[in-house]
């Protein structure tokens, strides 16, 4: 979770003279990186893929053993 107080403290500690540059410090926070955004795009995809694979293995081995076509 992004803590705005920490971002503001970082902006104050950075010796930026330009007020617009101080306002842009929040963009350097790790939660706004491209990789973080990609990870958050599909939050349950990994778990769903794993459970679907387990279901397919279970279905393959527990199904009826008939060889009718």
PDB file of N, CA and C in Angstrom:
ATOM      1  N   UNK A   1       0.837  -1.169   0.000  1.00  0.00           N
ATOM      2  CA  UNK A   1       0.000   0.000   0.000  1.00  0.00           C
ATOM      3  C   UNK A   1       0.887   1.238   0.000  1.00  0.00           C
ATOM      4  N   UNK A   2       0.489   2.220  -0.706  1.00  0.00           N
ATOM      5  CA  UNK A   2       1.260   3.447  -0.823  1.00  0.00           C
ATOM      6  C   UNK A   2       0.967   4.337   0.377  1.00  0.00           C
ATOM      7  N   UNK A   3       2.024   4.775   1.031  1.00  0.00           N
ATOM      8  CA  UNK A   3       1.879   5.663   2.175  1.00  0.00           C
ATOM      9  C   UNK A   3       2.210   7.091   1.732  1.00  0.00           C
ATOM     10  N   UNK A   4       1.215   7.960   1.624  1.00  0.00           N
ATOM     11  CA  UNK A   4       1.476   9.313   1.126  1.00  0.00           C
ATOM     12  C   UNK A   4       2.370  10.131   2.049  1.00  0.00           C
ATOM     13  N   UNK A   5       2.367   9.825   3.334  1.00  0.00           N
ATOM     14  CA  UNK A   5       3.223  10.567   4.275  1.00  0.00           C
ATOM     15  C   UNK A   5       4.696  10.317   3.958  1.00  0.00           C
ATOM     16  N   UNK A   6       5.044   9.058   3.685  1.00  0.00           N
ATOM     17  CA  UNK A   6       6.434   8.740   3.349  1.00  0.00           C
ATOM     18  C   UNK A   6       6.848   9.405   2.044  1.00  0.00           C
ATOM     19  N   UNK A   7       5.936   9.458   1.080  1.00  0.00           N
ATOM     20  CA  UNK A   7       6.259  10.097  -0.202  1.00  0.00           C
ATOM     21  C   UNK A   7       6.488  11.586   0.004  1.00  0.00           C
ATOM     22  N   UNK A   8       5.655  12.218   0.832  1.00  0.00           N
ATOM     23  CA  UNK A   8       5.842  13.646   1.099  1.00  0.00           C
ATOM     24  C   UNK A   8       7.143  13.906   1.851  1.00  0.00           C
ATOM     25  N   UNK A   9       7.482  13.017   2.795  1.00  0.00           N
ATOM     26  CA  UNK A   9       8.753  13.170   3.506  1.00  0.00           C
ATOM     27  C   UNK A   9       9.933  13.039   2.551  1.00  0.00           C
ATOM     28  N   UNK A  10       9.829  12.108   1.619  1.00  0.00           N
ATOM     29  CA  UNK A  10      10.904  11.947   0.635  1.00  0.00           C
ATOM     30  C   UNK A  10      11.023  13.204  -0.230  1.00  0.00           C
ATOM     31  N   UNK A  11       9.899  13.792  -0.563  1.00  0.00           N
ATOM     32  CA  UNK A  11       9.925  15.016  -1.365  1.00  0.00           C
ATOM     33  C   UNK A  11      10.557  16.163  -0.597  1.00  0.00           C
ATOM     34  N   UNK A  12      10.292  16.212   0.700  1.00  0.00           N
ATOM     35  CA  UNK A  12      10.888  17.274   1.507  1.00  0.00           C
ATOM     36  C   UNK A  12      12.388  17.070   1.682  1.00  0.00           C
ATOM     37  N   UNK A  13      12.807  15.803   1.854  1.00  0.00           N
ATOM     38  CA  UNK A  13      14.227  15.516   2.063  1.00  0.00           C
ATOM     39  C   UNK A  13      15.041  15.698   0.789  1.00  0.00           C
ATOM     40  N   UNK A  14      14.417  15.457  -0.355  1.00  0.00           N
ATOM     41  CA  UNK A  14      15.171  15.636  -1.595  1.00  0.00           C
ATOM     42  C   UNK A  14      15.378  17.133  -1.789  1.00  0.00           C
ATOM     43  N   UNK A  15      16.583  17.501  -2.048  1.00  0.00           N
ATOM     44  CA  UNK A  15      16.935  18.913  -2.152  1.00  0.00           C
ATOM     45  C   UNK A  15      16.604  19.453  -3.535  1.00  0.00           C
ATOM     46  N   UNK A  16      15.378  19.289  -3.913  1.00  0.00           N
ATOM     47  CA  UNK A  16      14.941  19.800  -5.209  1.00  0.00           C
ATOM     48  C   UNK A  16      14.462  21.239  -5.040  1.00  0.00           C
ATOM     49  N   UNK A  17      15.006  22.109  -5.848  1.00  0.00           N
ATOM     50  CA  UNK A  17      14.617  23.519  -5.760  1.00  0.00           C
ATOM     51  C   UNK A  17      13.350  23.801  -6.555  1.00  0.00           C
ATOM     52  N   UNK A  18      13.113  23.006  -7.569  1.00  0.00           N
ATOM     53  CA  UNK A  18      11.956  23.206  -8.423  1.00  0.00           C
ATOM     54  C   UNK A  18      10.708  22.624  -7.747  1.00  0.00           C
ATOM     55  N   UNK A  19       9.677  23.426  -7.502  1.00  0.00           N
ATOM     56  CA  UNK A  19       8.485  22.893  -6.839  1.00  0.00           C
ATOM     57  C   UNK A  19       7.766  21.841  -7.678  1.00  0.00           C
ATOM     58  N   UNK A  20       7.844  21.942  -8.996  1.00  0.00           N
ATOM     59  CA  UNK A  20       7.195  20.935  -9.852  1.00  0.00           C
ATOM     60  C   UNK A  20       7.926  19.603  -9.766  1.00  0.00           C
ATOM     61  N   UNK A  21       9.229  19.648  -9.633  1.00  0.00           N
ATOM     62  CA  UNK A  21       9.997  18.405  -9.491  1.00  0.00           C
ATOM     63  C   UNK A  21       9.680  17.730  -8.165  1.00  0.00           C
ATOM     64  N   UNK A  22       9.467  18.513  -7.108  1.00  0.00           N
ATOM     65  CA  UNK A  22       9.091  17.927  -5.810  1.00  0.00           C
ATOM     66  C   UNK A  22       7.741  17.238  -5.898  1.00  0.00           C
ATOM     67  N   UNK A  23       6.852  17.789  -6.704  1.00  0.00           N
ATOM     68  CA  UNK A  23       5.525  17.182  -6.838  1.00  0.00           C
ATOM     69  C   UNK A  23       5.551  15.892  -7.652  1.00  0.00           C
ATOM     70  N   UNK A  24       6.601  15.653  -8.382  1.00  0.00           N
ATOM     71  CA  UNK A  24       6.707  14.454  -9.210  1.00  0.00           C
ATOM     72  C   UNK A  24       7.454  13.312  -8.520  1.00  0.00           C
ATOM     73  N   UNK A  25       7.837  13.480  -7.267  1.00  0.00           N
ATOM     74  CA  UNK A  25       8.596  12.458  -6.546  1.00  0.00           C
ATOM     75  C   UNK A  25       7.782  11.182  -6.388  1.00  0.00           C
ATOM     76  N   UNK A  26       6.470  11.287  -6.300  1.00  0.00           N
ATOM     77  CA  UNK A  26       5.619  10.105  -6.100  1.00  0.00           C
ATOM     78  C   UNK A  26       5.760   9.104  -7.233  1.00  0.00           C
ATOM     79  N   UNK A  27       6.147   9.548  -8.420  1.00  0.00           N
ATOM     80  CA  UNK A  27       6.273   8.640  -9.559  1.00  0.00           C
ATOM     81  C   UNK A  27       7.431   7.658  -9.401  1.00  0.00           C
ATOM     82  N   UNK A  28       8.362   7.935  -8.513  1.00  0.00           N
ATOM     83  CA  UNK A  28       9.508   7.053  -8.294  1.00  0.00           C
ATOM     84  C   UNK A  28       9.204   5.943  -7.290  1.00  0.00           C
ATOM     85  N   UNK A  29       8.033   5.939  -6.721  1.00  0.00           N
ATOM     86  CA  UNK A  29       7.677   4.913  -5.731  1.00  0.00           C
ATOM     87  C   UNK A  29       7.575   3.547  -6.426  1.00  0.00           C
ATOM     88  N   UNK A  30       8.050   2.462  -5.800  1.00  0.00           N
ATOM     89  CA  UNK A  30       8.038   1.145  -6.435  1.00  0.00           C
ATOM     90  C   UNK A  30       6.648   0.628  -6.807  1.00  0.00           C
ATOM     91  N   UNK A  31       5.611   1.071  -6.142  1.00  0.00           N
ATOM     92  CA  UNK A  31       4.280   0.565  -6.462  1.00  0.00           C
ATOM     93  C   UNK A  31       3.772   1.097  -7.799  1.00  0.00           C
ATOM     94  N   UNK A  32       4.421   2.095  -8.350  1.00  0.00           N
ATOM     95  CA  UNK A  32       4.012   2.635  -9.636  1.00  0.00           C
ATOM     96  C   UNK A  32       4.904   2.173 -10.779  1.00  0.00           C
ATOM     97  N   UNK A  33       5.754   1.187 -10.533  1.00  0.00           N
ATOM     98  CA  UNK A  33       6.635   0.694 -11.588  1.00  0.00           C
ATOM     99  C   UNK A  33       5.845  -0.167 -12.564  1.00  0.00           C
ATOM    100  N   UNK A  34       6.392  -0.385 -13.734  1.00  0.00           N
ATOM    101  CA  UNK A  34       5.715  -1.186 -14.768  1.00  0.00           C
ATOM    102  C   UNK A  34       5.524  -2.630 -14.302  1.00  0.00           C
ATOM    103  N   UNK A  35       6.527  -3.193 -13.647  1.00  0.00           N
ATOM    104  CA  UNK A  35       6.428  -4.586 -13.214  1.00  0.00           C
ATOM    105  C   UNK A  35       5.357  -4.747 -12.148  1.00  0.00           C
ATOM    106  N   UNK A  36       5.246  -3.788 -11.262  1.00  0.00           N
ATOM    107  CA  UNK A  36       4.223  -3.851 -10.228  1.00  0.00           C
ATOM    108  C   UNK A  36       2.831  -3.769 -10.843  1.00  0.00           C
ATOM    109  N   UNK A  37       2.675  -2.950 -11.847  1.00  0.00           N
ATOM    110  CA  UNK A  37       1.384  -2.832 -12.503  1.00  0.00           C
ATOM    111  C   UNK A  37       1.038  -4.098 -13.274  1.00  0.00           C
ATOM    112  N   UNK A  38       2.030  -4.743 -13.893  1.00  0.00           N
ATOM    113  CA  UNK A  38       1.760  -5.982 -14.612  1.00  0.00           C
ATOM    114  C   UNK A  38       1.374  -7.115 -13.661  1.00  0.00           C
ATOM    115  N   UNK A  39       2.017  -7.169 -12.510  1.00  0.00           N
ATOM    116  CA  UNK A  39       1.690  -8.199 -11.519  1.00  0.00           C
ATOM    117  C   UNK A  39       0.273  -8.016 -10.998  1.00  0.00           C
ATOM    118  N   UNK A  40      -0.154  -6.800 -10.846  1.00  0.00           N
ATOM    119  CA  UNK A  40      -1.478  -6.525 -10.327  1.00  0.00           C
ATOM    120  C   UNK A  40      -2.584  -6.605 -11.357  1.00  0.00           C
ATOM    121  N   UNK A  41      -2.233  -6.789 -12.621  1.00  0.00           N
ATOM    122  CA  UNK A  41      -3.233  -6.790 -13.673  1.00  0.00           C
ATOM    123  C   UNK A  41      -4.150  -8.013 -13.591  1.00  0.00           C
ATOM    124  N   UNK A  42      -3.582  -9.175 -13.322  1.00  0.00           N
ATOM    125  CA  UNK A  42      -4.352 -10.404 -13.216  1.00  0.00           C
ATOM    126  C   UNK A  42      -4.070 -11.030 -11.848  1.00  0.00           C
ATOM    127  N   UNK A  43      -4.757 -10.586 -10.805  1.00  0.00           N
ATOM    128  CA  UNK A  43      -4.381 -10.987  -9.454  1.00  0.00           C
ATOM    129  C   UNK A  43      -4.549 -12.474  -9.150  1.00  0.00           C
ATOM    130  N   UNK A  44      -5.503 -13.173  -9.739  1.00  0.00           N
ATOM    131  CA  UNK A  44      -5.720 -14.573  -9.399  1.00  0.00           C
ATOM    132  C   UNK A  44      -5.319 -15.539 -10.488  1.00  0.00           C
ATOM    133  N   UNK A  45      -4.602 -15.062 -11.481  1.00  0.00           N
ATOM    134  CA  UNK A  45      -4.283 -15.912 -12.630  1.00  0.00           C
ATOM    135  C   UNK A  45      -3.376 -17.075 -12.261  1.00  0.00           C
ATOM    136  N   UNK A  46      -2.390 -16.879 -11.426  1.00  0.00           N
ATOM    137  CA  UNK A  46      -1.469 -17.954 -11.046  1.00  0.00           C
ATOM    138  C   UNK A  46      -2.173 -19.059 -10.268  1.00  0.00           C
ATOM    139  N   UNK A  47      -2.985 -18.673  -9.309  1.00  0.00           N
ATOM    140  CA  UNK A  47      -3.715 -19.664  -8.515  1.00  0.00           C
ATOM    141  C   UNK A  47      -4.719 -20.405  -9.383  1.00  0.00           C
ATOM    142  N   UNK A  48      -5.420 -19.683 -10.249  1.00  0.00           N
ATOM    143  CA  UNK A  48      -6.417 -20.310 -11.109  1.00  0.00           C
ATOM    144  C   UNK A  48      -5.768 -21.280 -12.085  1.00  0.00           C
ATOM    145  N   UNK A  49      -4.620 -20.940 -12.631  1.00  0.00           N
ATOM    146  CA  UNK A  49      -3.926 -21.831 -13.550  1.00  0.00           C
ATOM    147  C   UNK A  49      -3.469 -23.098 -12.840  1.00  0.00           C
ATOM    148  N   UNK A  50      -2.950 -22.961 -11.642  1.00  0.00           N
ATOM    149  CA  UNK A  50      -2.520 -24.127 -10.868  1.00  0.00           C
ATOM    150  C   UNK A  50      -3.684 -25.040 -10.511  1.00  0.00           C
ATOM    151  N   UNK A  51      -4.792 -24.457 -10.076  1.00  0.00           N
ATOM    152  CA  UNK A  51      -5.959 -25.268  -9.744  1.00  0.00           C
ATOM    153  C   UNK A  51      -6.545 -25.951 -10.978  1.00  0.00           C
ATOM    154  N   UNK A  52      -6.523 -25.292 -12.118  1.00  0.00           N
ATOM    155  CA  UNK A  52      -7.025 -25.898 -13.346  1.00  0.00           C
ATOM    156  C   UNK A  52      -6.140 -27.068 -13.766  1.00  0.00           C
ATOM    157  N   UNK A  53      -4.825 -26.930 -13.594  1.00  0.00           N
ATOM    158  CA  UNK A  53      -3.915 -28.035 -13.912  1.00  0.00           C
ATOM    159  C   UNK A  53      -4.174 -29.225 -12.998  1.00  0.00           C
ATOM    160  N   UNK A  54      -4.399 -28.979 -11.718  1.00  0.00           N
ATOM    161  CA  UNK A  54      -4.721 -30.062 -10.775  1.00  0.00           C
ATOM    162  C   UNK A  54      -6.038 -30.730 -11.185  1.00  0.00           C
ATOM    163  N   UNK A  55      -7.012 -29.952 -11.590  1.00  0.00           N
ATOM    164  CA  UNK A  55      -8.290 -30.509 -12.039  1.00  0.00           C
ATOM    165  C   UNK A  55      -8.103 -31.384 -13.270  1.00  0.00           C
ATOM    166  N   UNK A  56      -7.291 -30.939 -14.228  1.00  0.00           N
ATOM    167  CA  UNK A  56      -7.070 -31.727 -15.440  1.00  0.00           C
ATOM    168  C   UNK A  56      -6.388 -33.049 -15.128  1.00  0.00           C
ATOM    169  N   UNK A  57      -5.417 -33.049 -14.238  1.00  0.00           N
ATOM    170  CA  UNK A  57      -4.736 -34.292 -13.848  1.00  0.00           C
ATOM    171  C   UNK A  57      -5.718 -35.214 -13.141  1.00  0.00           C
ATOM    172  N   UNK A  58      -6.515 -34.682 -12.236  1.00  0.00           N
ATOM    173  CA  UNK A  58      -7.518 -35.487 -11.528  1.00  0.00           C
ATOM    174  C   UNK A  58      -8.527 -36.075 -12.510  1.00  0.00           C
ATOM    175  N   UNK A  59      -8.994 -35.266 -13.437  1.00  0.00           N
ATOM    176  CA  UNK A  59      -9.972 -35.724 -14.417  1.00  0.00           C
ATOM    177  C   UNK A  59      -9.395 -36.802 -15.321  1.00  0.00           C
ATOM    178  N   UNK A  60      -8.140 -36.671 -15.669  1.00  0.00           N
ATOM    179  CA  UNK A  60      -7.499 -37.658 -16.544  1.00  0.00           C
ATOM    180  C   UNK A  60      -7.381 -39.019 -15.861  1.00  0.00           C
ATOM    181  N   UNK A  61      -7.005 -39.027 -14.594  1.00  0.00           N
ATOM    182  CA  UNK A  61      -6.767 -40.290 -13.904  1.00  0.00           C
ATOM    183  C   UNK A  61      -8.019 -40.872 -13.227  1.00  0.00           C
ATOM    184  N   UNK A  62      -9.054 -40.096 -13.011  1.00  0.00           N
ATOM    185  CA  UNK A  62     -10.232 -40.623 -12.325  1.00  0.00           C
ATOM    186  C   UNK A  62     -11.399 -40.882 -13.263  1.00  0.00           C
ATOM    187  N   UNK A  63     -11.239 -40.601 -14.529  1.00  0.00           N
ATOM    188  CA  UNK A  63     -12.326 -40.785 -15.482  1.00  0.00           C
ATOM    189  C   UNK A  63     -12.572 -42.248 -15.785  1.00  0.00           C
ATOM    190  N   UNK A  64     -13.688 -42.548 -16.462  1.00  0.00           N
ATOM    191  CA  UNK A  64     -13.990 -43.935 -16.838  1.00  0.00           C
ATOM    192  C   UNK A  64     -12.957 -44.477 -17.819  1.00  0.00           C
ATOM    193  N   UNK A  65     -12.695 -45.769 -17.746  1.00  0.00           N
ATOM    194  CA  UNK A  65     -11.647 -46.400 -18.560  1.00  0.00           C
ATOM    195  C   UNK A  65     -12.237 -47.106 -19.777  1.00  0.00           C
ATOM    196  N   UNK A  66     -13.223 -46.544 -20.417  1.00  0.00           N
ATOM    197  CA  UNK A  66     -13.787 -47.191 -21.605  1.00  0.00           C
ATOM    198  C   UNK A  66     -13.028 -46.759 -22.845  1.00  0.00           C
ATOM    199  N   UNK A  67     -12.905 -47.645 -23.793  1.00  0.00           N
ATOM    200  CA  UNK A  67     -12.187 -47.350 -25.040  1.00  0.00           C
ATOM    201  C   UNK A  67     -13.147 -47.331 -26.219  1.00  0.00           C
ATOM    202  N   UNK A  68     -14.398 -46.979 -25.977  1.00  0.00           N
ATOM    203  CA  UNK A  68     -15.391 -46.912 -27.050  1.00  0.00           C
ATOM    204  C   UNK A  68     -15.164 -45.642 -27.837  1.00  0.00           C
ATOM    205  N   UNK A  69     -15.437 -45.735 -29.123  1.00  0.00           N
ATOM    206  CA  UNK A  69     -15.303 -44.549 -29.970  1.00  0.00           C
ATOM    207  C   UNK A  69     -16.644 -44.095 -30.435  1.00  0.00           C
TER     208      UNK A  69
END
